[in-house]
C-alpha cells in the first residue's frame, strides 16, 4: 500500500485548487463517458468538481498568501492488493470498498494530528476521486530507457484514489498541516498545527487495509521492512534479521513480528535484546530465536565486525591528535 502526502503536485497549493481539480478530471474528459466518476467524501458520493473547488477555496480563513491552502493524499494499493479486492468483491464492489477504505484512511489522517476537536474525517474538509488508470512519467525507468513514452497508459489494473484535503478544519478555525513533523520539539508550533507523524500515518493505513479486507500481508511486504532495508542502521538490520526468522513461525508469533517491525523502523529499540525483551512480554517462545545456532554465529560475527570498526576508529582518532 502506497500512501503519500504532498503539498504541491501538478498545481500549486498556495492559491486556488481549481488547477488540481481540473487535472483530476482528466479521466472523465478522456473517456467521454456517460457515467462520469464523481467526487466523494464522508457525506456524499456524487459531488461535482465545481463544488470541490468552491469548498476548498473558501475554507482559508486567516491563511496568508504564501500558506498552503490544501494538500493531496495519494492512496494507491499494490497490484497484489488490487487483485485481492477484485477476487473478493468483483470489479464494481472492489471500487466501492476502496472508497470506504479511503474514508477510514481520512479518519486516521484526522486522528494523527492529536488535536482536540479533530477526531474523524467529519472534522475535515476533503474530497476524493477514484482513478482507474496511471500514466508513465519522466521519472519511470521505462521512459528513461525508451521502452515507454511519457503519458502512455500503464498496463494492468491501476485503480487508486486521490484526495484533496483543506489546510483548515471543517469549522474553518483550526490550521492542520501534515507537513509539520516537529513531534513536540516546538510545543507552541505543534499546538497550532498539530503533531503529524507521516510514517505512523502510512503504517496505520497499511494495517487498516489488512484488517478491513483480511489481507495476509507478509513481513517483506510491509512499508517498515522496505524502509529498514533501504535506510536502516546496522543495528536495525540485525533486528530485522531476527524478525524475519520469527515471521517464519505461525500464529501469534507471526503477528508479533509484523507489529515489532514498525517499532524497529521507528527506532524504538537500541539493541536486539531490547526488542526481544519487549516481545517477551507477549510471547516467550519468540526469545528462542536467539538460541538458534545460525543467529548465535550471526551475532558473534556482527560483534567481531563492530569491535574491528571501533578499533580502527580509535586508531584514526589517535593519529589525528
Foldseek 3Di string as FASTA:
>chain_A
DDKDKDLDDQHHQLAFCVRVLVVLQVVCVVVVDPDGQAKDAPPDRHHDSVVLRVVQRPLAPPHDSRDGFKMKIKFWDDLVLLVLLCVVQNDVGSVVVQRVLVQQLQQLVQVQLVAPPRRGNLFWRKIKTKDFWDFDAPPDVCCVVVVDPGRHIDDDTGIIMMMITTQATPVSPAGEDLPDQCQCVPVVVSNRHGHHDVLVSVQVSVVSSCVVSVDDDQLCRGPLNVLCVVPNDPQLVLLLVLLVVQCVDDDPSVVLSSVLSSCSSVVVDPHNVRSVVVVCVPPVVSVCSCVDPVNVVVVVVVVVVVVVVVVVVVVVVVVVD
